[in-house]
Amino acid sequence: MTINLTGINNRNEMNLTGKIDLVSNPSLKISNLKKYILSNYIVPLYSEQWQIINKNKFLIDETIKQINIHYKLYKLEELTVFLGLLTILKILIEKNEMLNDLEDKAKRTYDKNTIMNMVYKTTKIKILPEYELYNSIIGKPTRYTPYDENIINDIKILMIKPNITYDKISEYLHKKYMN
């Protein structure tokens, strides 16, 4: 087994004729990335486990970035499939959030004495994923207490780690800052 600078593992196989056959295998990183995508996004989507998808939705952009990096290195077409699936999933999450917001708004504004209600669609304002994670795990800061930049920096560092999930980030922050 030899490893070169591209990260592709090569297995040298000697046969009885004395010739060496080089067999290229993609890195273990790619198989781990595929397992991560399947277990945190695709399987929960198929089994309608929206709570898992909603927890990890802030990490989709980082996962897409990792796929693009690996595609540039290895040129594997299966990575484009995973990229397409994550892009579709990102759109589905946004549509699902929009429908949930619309349902909540309809429940709050329903009045049986009115004849008609009007609903309008606007684009959703998003904040950076690290701030979304902060709001979800720590809680939204008040007007008098700003975001803790140390926690934000820790979240940024954790987000780029391979195989990171919402639960792992939450556990780390609770151990470090909540005890």
Protein backbone atom coordinates (compact mmCIF):
# COMPACT_ATOMS: atom_id res chain seq x y z
CA MET A 1 0.00 0.00 0.00
CA THR A 2 1.43 3.38 -0.98
CA ILE A 3 0.04 6.85 -0.44
CA ASN A 4 0.89 9.75 -2.72
CA LEU A 5 0.37 13.52 -2.36
CA THR A 6 -3.07 13.46 -4.02
CA GLY A 7 -4.47 11.37 -1.18
CA ILE A 8 -5.28 8.40 -3.43
CA ASN A 9 -4.23 5.13 -1.86
CA ASN A 10 -2.50 2.78 -4.32
CA ARG A 11 -2.24 -0.92 -3.69
CA ASN A 12 0.71 -2.55 -5.38
CA GLU A 13 -0.10 -6.07 -6.43
CA MET A 14 2.58 -8.41 -7.70
CA ASN A 15 1.45 -11.28 -9.90
CA LEU A 16 3.26 -14.45 -10.98
CA THR A 17 4.56 -12.83 -14.18
CA GLY A 18 6.55 -10.30 -12.17
CA LYS A 19 4.54 -7.32 -13.41
CA ILE A 20 3.22 -4.78 -10.94
CA ASP A 21 -0.40 -3.67 -11.31
CA LEU A 22 -1.31 -0.34 -9.73
CA VAL A 23 -4.87 -0.28 -8.44
CA SER A 24 -6.19 3.16 -7.45
CA ASN A 25 -8.72 3.44 -4.65
CA PRO A 26 -10.36 6.67 -3.59
CA SER A 27 -9.47 7.87 -0.17
CA LEU A 28 -11.20 6.71 2.96
CA LYS A 29 -12.34 10.33 3.36
CA ILE A 30 -14.77 9.94 0.46
CA SER A 31 -16.40 6.81 1.83
CA ASN A 32 -16.72 8.50 5.24
CA LEU A 33 -18.24 11.56 3.58
CA LYS A 34 -20.78 9.40 1.74
CA LYS A 35 -21.70 7.55 4.95
CA TYR A 36 -22.09 10.90 6.72
CA ILE A 37 -24.43 12.23 4.01
CA LEU A 38 -26.49 9.06 3.97
CA SER A 39 -26.87 8.80 7.74
CA ASN A 40 -27.54 12.50 8.44
CA TYR A 41 -29.53 13.62 5.40
CA ILE A 42 -30.71 10.98 2.91
CA VAL A 43 -31.95 8.22 5.23
CA PRO A 44 -33.70 10.69 7.60
CA LEU A 45 -35.36 12.31 4.56
CA TYR A 46 -36.55 8.96 3.26
CA SER A 47 -37.85 7.93 6.69
CA GLU A 48 -39.36 11.40 7.29
CA GLN A 49 -37.27 12.09 10.39
CA TRP A 50 -37.35 15.86 9.99
CA GLN A 51 -35.95 16.49 13.46
CA ILE A 52 -32.59 14.98 12.41
CA ILE A 53 -32.55 16.96 9.18
CA ASN A 54 -33.51 20.19 10.96
CA LYS A 55 -30.72 19.70 13.48
CA ASN A 56 -28.10 19.22 10.76
CA LYS A 57 -29.42 21.72 8.21
CA PHE A 58 -26.84 24.30 9.24
CA LEU A 59 -24.03 21.95 8.22
CA ILE A 60 -25.24 21.34 4.64
CA ASP A 61 -23.20 24.17 3.15
CA GLU A 62 -20.01 22.85 4.73
CA THR A 63 -20.81 19.35 3.45
CA ILE A 64 -21.37 20.71 -0.05
CA LYS A 65 -18.02 22.49 0.18
CA GLN A 66 -16.34 19.19 1.16
CA ILE A 67 -17.96 17.41 -1.81
CA ASN A 68 -16.68 20.09 -4.19
CA ILE A 69 -13.15 19.79 -2.78
CA HIS A 70 -13.19 15.99 -3.16
CA TYR A 71 -14.65 16.22 -6.66
CA LYS A 72 -11.85 18.52 -7.79
CA LEU A 73 -9.29 16.00 -6.48
CA TYR A 74 -10.79 12.69 -7.62
CA LYS A 75 -13.27 13.57 -10.42
CA LEU A 76 -15.72 10.88 -9.24
CA GLU A 77 -19.14 11.25 -10.87
CA GLU A 78 -20.89 9.77 -7.83
CA LEU A 79 -19.90 12.89 -5.91
CA THR A 80 -21.98 14.98 -8.32
CA VAL A 81 -24.97 12.80 -7.43
CA PHE A 82 -24.45 13.51 -3.74
CA LEU A 83 -24.02 17.20 -4.55
CA GLY A 84 -27.33 17.19 -6.43
CA LEU A 85 -29.07 15.36 -3.59
CA LEU A 86 -27.84 17.86 -1.00
CA THR A 87 -28.86 20.78 -3.21
CA ILE A 88 -32.36 19.32 -3.56
CA LEU A 89 -32.49 18.66 0.17
CA LYS A 90 -31.51 22.26 0.88
CA ILE A 91 -34.40 23.46 -1.30
CA LEU A 92 -36.80 21.02 0.39
CA ILE A 93 -35.78 22.25 3.83
CA GLU A 94 -36.45 25.85 2.81
CA LYS A 95 -39.86 24.92 1.35
CA ASN A 96 -40.73 22.91 4.47
CA GLU A 97 -39.78 25.85 6.72
CA MET A 98 -41.85 28.19 4.58
CA LEU A 99 -44.89 25.90 4.83
CA ASN A 100 -44.48 25.53 8.59
CA ASP A 101 -44.24 29.31 8.99
CA LEU A 102 -47.32 29.73 6.82
CA GLU A 103 -49.27 27.18 8.88
CA ASP A 104 -48.21 28.88 12.13
CA LYS A 105 -49.20 32.27 10.78
CA ALA A 106 -52.57 30.91 9.61
CA LYS A 107 -53.23 29.42 13.06
CA ARG A 108 -52.41 32.70 14.81
CA THR A 109 -54.43 34.95 12.50
CA TYR A 110 -57.51 32.76 12.01
CA ASP A 111 -60.73 34.46 13.00
CA LYS A 112 -64.08 32.86 12.17
CA ASN A 113 -65.74 36.29 11.89
CA THR A 114 -63.62 37.34 8.92
CA ILE A 115 -64.51 36.38 5.39
CA MET A 116 -61.08 36.41 3.84
CA ASN A 117 -57.43 36.46 4.89
CA MET A 118 -54.53 37.47 2.71
CA VAL A 119 -51.18 35.72 2.84
CA TYR A 120 -48.07 37.09 1.16
CA LYS A 121 -44.75 35.45 0.46
CA THR A 122 -41.45 37.17 1.14
CA THR A 123 -37.91 35.90 1.10
CA LYS A 124 -36.59 34.65 4.39
CA ILE A 125 -33.68 36.48 5.95
CA LYS A 126 -30.98 34.08 7.01
CA ILE A 127 -28.09 34.59 9.36
CA LEU A 128 -24.79 32.74 9.18
CA PRO A 129 -24.96 29.04 10.16
CA GLU A 130 -22.72 29.53 13.20
CA TYR A 131 -25.14 32.11 14.60
CA GLU A 132 -28.12 29.85 13.82
CA LEU A 133 -26.41 27.04 15.74
CA TYR A 134 -25.65 29.43 18.60
CA ASN A 135 -29.32 30.47 18.76
CA SER A 136 -30.46 26.87 18.65
CA ILE A 137 -28.05 25.49 21.26
CA ILE A 138 -27.31 28.39 23.62
CA GLY A 139 -30.36 30.53 22.95
CA LYS A 140 -30.88 33.82 21.21
CA PRO A 141 -29.06 36.63 23.02
CA THR A 142 -31.06 39.52 24.34
CA ARG A 143 -30.57 43.14 23.50
CA TYR A 144 -28.28 43.58 26.49
CA THR A 145 -26.17 40.43 26.10
CA PRO A 146 -24.40 40.10 22.73
CA TYR A 147 -23.20 36.91 21.11
CA ASP A 148 -20.19 35.35 22.86
CA GLU A 149 -17.48 35.46 20.18
CA ASN A 150 -15.56 32.59 21.82
CA ILE A 151 -18.55 30.30 21.36
CA ILE A 152 -19.04 31.52 17.77
CA ASN A 153 -15.37 30.78 17.00
CA ASP A 154 -15.66 27.31 18.54
CA ILE A 155 -18.74 26.62 16.42
CA LYS A 156 -16.90 27.76 13.27
CA ILE A 157 -14.03 25.40 14.06
CA LEU A 158 -16.37 22.51 14.85
CA MET A 159 -18.39 23.01 11.65
CA ILE A 160 -15.44 22.24 9.40
CA LYS A 161 -14.54 19.00 11.17
CA PRO A 162 -15.45 15.82 9.28
CA ASN A 163 -18.52 13.87 10.40
CA ILE A 164 -19.71 16.64 12.72
CA THR A 165 -23.37 16.73 13.67
CA TYR A 166 -25.62 19.08 15.57
CA ASP A 167 -25.60 16.73 18.56
CA LYS A 168 -21.79 16.63 18.70
CA ILE A 169 -21.59 20.44 18.54
CA SER A 170 -24.26 20.77 21.21
CA GLU A 171 -22.55 18.26 23.50
CA TYR A 172 -19.18 20.02 23.10
CA LEU A 173 -20.63 23.46 23.86
CA HIS A 174 -22.58 22.20 26.85
CA LYS A 175 -19.48 20.57 28.32
CA LYS A 176 -17.27 23.58 27.73
CA TYR A 177 -19.57 26.52 28.48
CA MET A 178 -22.60 25.29 30.43
CA ASN A 179 -20.89 23.45 33.29
